[in-house]
Each structure stands twice: as C-alpha cells, then as structure tokens.
C-alpha cells in the first residue's frame, strides 16, 4: 500500500479524480457492478478508497470488514443532489473507532 488511491462511483463522480491521475472505477446503476469493482479495489491494496455515497450503500457489506482496520481508509463522499445521510453515518463510525467518541450523538 504505497499510498495508492482508488475512487469508486458514477462516471461523473470519478471524472475529476481521473484527471488527477488516480485509479478510478466508474459504475452504473448495477449493484453487481459496484460490488465487483469494490472487490477489485480491495485486491488492489489501496491506501485510500473514496466512494460516492450512492454507491457506498451498495458496497457496504464488501467494505465492512476492511473498515475495521487502519488501512485502507475508506471514505464515503456525498455526491447526490440530496445527501442521503450515509456519508455522515460512515464518517461518524470512523471517528468513533479512532477516538472512542460519538460526535454525532444527540445530547
């Protein structure tokens, strides 16, 4: 894992990352395609995996086991016109694992 970055999402989502020279995995609406690409990314031993929020829901089971480890870092980014809350939940989980504090807990 020499700092390689993978980006998983729709063509519109991955396009700017491709322009930066990152490894991109564009997917359509197919859940099977998203899962297949997620598995390919895991085999690629990336240090950072950026996933579009709408695709992250489809691939949650695939990334679940590796999210418990320090590497790779799986980051979910909102990309839809209306955020679905999945990215916030994923970030909260990662921060809770790192710090032991639930920053999104209702007071």
C-alpha atoms as a PDB file:
ATOM      1  CA  UNK A   1       0.000   0.000   0.000  1.00  0.00           C
ATOM      2  CA  UNK A   2       2.278   2.716  -1.226  1.00  0.00           C
ATOM      3  CA  UNK A   3      -0.269   5.494  -0.999  1.00  0.00           C
ATOM      4  CA  UNK A   4      -2.378   4.382  -3.940  1.00  0.00           C
ATOM      5  CA  UNK A   5      -5.851   5.916  -4.142  1.00  0.00           C
ATOM      6  CA  UNK A   6      -8.952   4.325  -5.681  1.00  0.00           C
ATOM      7  CA  UNK A   7     -12.185   6.162  -6.444  1.00  0.00           C
ATOM      8  CA  UNK A   8     -15.498   4.330  -6.880  1.00  0.00           C
ATOM      9  CA  UNK A   9     -18.656   5.999  -8.160  1.00  0.00           C
ATOM     10  CA  UNK A  10     -20.575   7.116 -11.212  1.00  0.00           C
ATOM     11  CA  UNK A  11     -18.714   8.400 -14.262  1.00  0.00           C
ATOM     12  CA  UNK A  12     -19.490  11.988 -13.278  1.00  0.00           C
ATOM     13  CA  UNK A  13     -18.125  11.400  -9.779  1.00  0.00           C
ATOM     14  CA  UNK A  14     -14.838   9.744 -10.790  1.00  0.00           C
ATOM     15  CA  UNK A  15     -14.012  12.033 -13.747  1.00  0.00           C
ATOM     16  CA  UNK A  16     -12.264  14.798 -11.736  1.00  0.00           C
ATOM     17  CA  UNK A  17     -10.252  12.185  -9.842  1.00  0.00           C
ATOM     18  CA  UNK A  18      -9.158  10.573 -13.116  1.00  0.00           C
ATOM     19  CA  UNK A  19      -7.887  13.981 -14.237  1.00  0.00           C
ATOM     20  CA  UNK A  20      -5.669  13.956 -11.139  1.00  0.00           C
ATOM     21  CA  UNK A  21      -4.227  10.589 -12.174  1.00  0.00           C
ATOM     22  CA  UNK A  22      -5.961   8.494  -9.509  1.00  0.00           C
ATOM     23  CA  UNK A  23      -7.254   4.990 -10.184  1.00  0.00           C
ATOM     24  CA  UNK A  24     -10.951   5.304 -10.916  1.00  0.00           C
ATOM     25  CA  UNK A  25     -13.686   2.701 -11.041  1.00  0.00           C
ATOM     26  CA  UNK A  26     -16.799   4.134 -12.694  1.00  0.00           C
ATOM     27  CA  UNK A  27     -20.014   2.184 -12.174  1.00  0.00           C
ATOM     28  CA  UNK A  28     -23.545   2.463 -13.480  1.00  0.00           C
ATOM     29  CA  UNK A  29     -26.733   1.680 -11.618  1.00  0.00           C
ATOM     30  CA  UNK A  30     -25.951  -2.033 -11.278  1.00  0.00           C
ATOM     31  CA  UNK A  31     -25.361  -3.220  -7.721  1.00  0.00           C
ATOM     32  CA  UNK A  32     -23.460  -6.249  -9.047  1.00  0.00           C
ATOM     33  CA  UNK A  33     -21.067  -3.981 -10.969  1.00  0.00           C
ATOM     34  CA  UNK A  34     -20.454  -1.846  -7.881  1.00  0.00           C
ATOM     35  CA  UNK A  35     -19.764  -4.908  -5.726  1.00  0.00           C
ATOM     36  CA  UNK A  36     -17.441  -6.413  -8.338  1.00  0.00           C
ATOM     37  CA  UNK A  37     -15.443  -3.172  -8.578  1.00  0.00           C
ATOM     38  CA  UNK A  38     -15.296  -2.894  -4.774  1.00  0.00           C
ATOM     39  CA  UNK A  39     -13.786  -6.371  -4.573  1.00  0.00           C
ATOM     40  CA  UNK A  40     -11.260  -5.456  -7.276  1.00  0.00           C
ATOM     41  CA  UNK A  41     -10.292  -2.359  -5.315  1.00  0.00           C
ATOM     42  CA  UNK A  42      -9.729  -4.383  -2.138  1.00  0.00           C
ATOM     43  CA  UNK A  43      -7.468  -6.772  -4.042  1.00  0.00           C
ATOM     44  CA  UNK A  44      -5.536  -3.753  -5.367  1.00  0.00           C
ATOM     45  CA  UNK A  45      -4.262  -2.916  -1.886  1.00  0.00           C
ATOM     46  CA  UNK A  46      -5.051   0.783  -1.918  1.00  0.00           C
ATOM     47  CA  UNK A  47      -4.241   3.091   0.998  1.00  0.00           C
ATOM     48  CA  UNK A  48      -7.283   5.303   0.435  1.00  0.00           C
ATOM     49  CA  UNK A  49     -10.616   4.379  -1.115  1.00  0.00           C
ATOM     50  CA  UNK A  50     -13.030   7.201  -1.949  1.00  0.00           C
ATOM     51  CA  UNK A  51     -16.601   6.024  -2.525  1.00  0.00           C
ATOM     52  CA  UNK A  52     -19.589   8.054  -3.701  1.00  0.00           C
ATOM     53  CA  UNK A  53     -22.411   7.982  -1.153  1.00  0.00           C
ATOM     54  CA  UNK A  54     -24.962   6.447  -3.526  1.00  0.00           C
ATOM     55  CA  UNK A  55     -22.534   3.621  -4.399  1.00  0.00           C
ATOM     56  CA  UNK A  56     -21.387   3.134  -0.792  1.00  0.00           C
ATOM     57  CA  UNK A  57     -24.800   1.843   0.182  1.00  0.00           C
ATOM     58  CA  UNK A  58     -24.487  -0.890  -2.461  1.00  0.00           C
ATOM     59  CA  UNK A  59     -20.971  -1.878  -1.381  1.00  0.00           C
ATOM     60  CA  UNK A  60     -21.305  -1.532   2.399  1.00  0.00           C
ATOM     61  CA  UNK A  61     -21.021  -5.280   3.012  1.00  0.00           C
ATOM     62  CA  UNK A  62     -17.868  -5.549   0.895  1.00  0.00           C
ATOM     63  CA  UNK A  63     -16.072  -2.706   2.673  1.00  0.00           C
ATOM     64  CA  UNK A  64     -17.388  -3.529   6.166  1.00  0.00           C
ATOM     65  CA  UNK A  65     -14.585  -5.918   7.130  1.00  0.00           C
ATOM     66  CA  UNK A  66     -11.739  -3.691   5.952  1.00  0.00           C
ATOM     67  CA  UNK A  67     -13.195  -0.593   7.625  1.00  0.00           C
ATOM     68  CA  UNK A  68     -12.283  -2.141  10.966  1.00  0.00           C
ATOM     69  CA  UNK A  69      -8.597  -1.857  10.041  1.00  0.00           C
ATOM     70  CA  UNK A  70      -6.407   1.232   9.905  1.00  0.00           C
ATOM     71  CA  UNK A  71      -5.547   0.645   6.256  1.00  0.00           C
ATOM     72  CA  UNK A  72      -7.049   1.135   3.817  1.00  0.00           C
ATOM     73  CA  UNK A  73      -9.039   4.180   4.770  1.00  0.00           C
ATOM     74  CA  UNK A  74     -12.497   4.046   3.174  1.00  0.00           C
ATOM     75  CA  UNK A  75     -14.038   7.499   2.835  1.00  0.00           C
ATOM     76  CA  UNK A  76     -17.639   7.997   1.750  1.00  0.00           C
ATOM     77  CA  UNK A  77     -18.327  11.294  -0.002  1.00  0.00           C
ATOM     78  CA  UNK A  78     -21.796  12.721  -0.724  1.00  0.00           C
ATOM     79  CA  UNK A  79     -22.386  13.240  -4.429  1.00  0.00           C
ATOM     80  CA  UNK A  80     -26.121  13.254  -4.984  1.00  0.00           C
ATOM     81  CA  UNK A  81     -28.285  16.351  -5.152  1.00  0.00           C
ATOM     82  CA  UNK A  82     -29.846  15.368  -1.823  1.00  0.00           C
ATOM     83  CA  UNK A  83     -27.427  13.895   0.743  1.00  0.00           C
ATOM     84  CA  UNK A  84     -28.732  10.569   1.988  1.00  0.00           C
ATOM     85  CA  UNK A  85     -27.012  10.586   5.386  1.00  0.00           C
ATOM     86  CA  UNK A  86     -24.918   7.508   4.592  1.00  0.00           C
ATOM     87  CA  UNK A  87     -21.711   9.561   4.292  1.00  0.00           C
ATOM     88  CA  UNK A  88     -22.307  11.240   7.649  1.00  0.00           C
ATOM     89  CA  UNK A  89     -23.023   7.894   9.306  1.00  0.00           C
ATOM     90  CA  UNK A  90     -19.845   6.408   7.807  1.00  0.00           C
ATOM     91  CA  UNK A  91     -17.744   9.356   8.969  1.00  0.00           C
ATOM     92  CA  UNK A  92     -19.249   9.133  12.446  1.00  0.00           C
ATOM     93  CA  UNK A  93     -18.381   5.435  12.619  1.00  0.00           C
ATOM     94  CA  UNK A  94     -14.772   6.084  11.556  1.00  0.00           C
ATOM     95  CA  UNK A  95     -14.370   8.894  14.083  1.00  0.00           C
ATOM     96  CA  UNK A  96     -15.884   6.756  16.842  1.00  0.00           C
ATOM     97  CA  UNK A  97     -13.384   3.985  16.047  1.00  0.00           C
ATOM     98  CA  UNK A  98     -10.475   6.437  16.016  1.00  0.00           C
ATOM     99  CA  UNK A  99     -11.368   8.459  19.098  1.00  0.00           C
ATOM    100  CA  UNK A 100     -13.919   6.430  21.025  1.00  0.00           C
ATOM    101  CA  UNK A 101     -16.265   9.418  20.923  1.00  0.00           C
ATOM    102  CA  UNK A 102     -19.576   9.584  19.079  1.00  0.00           C
ATOM    103  CA  UNK A 103     -19.506  13.197  17.875  1.00  0.00           C
ATOM    104  CA  UNK A 104     -22.923  12.877  16.246  1.00  0.00           C
ATOM    105  CA  UNK A 105     -24.619  11.614  19.416  1.00  0.00           C
ATOM    106  CA  UNK A 106     -27.724  13.604  20.289  1.00  0.00           C
ATOM    107  CA  UNK A 107     -27.159  15.454  23.543  1.00  0.00           C
END
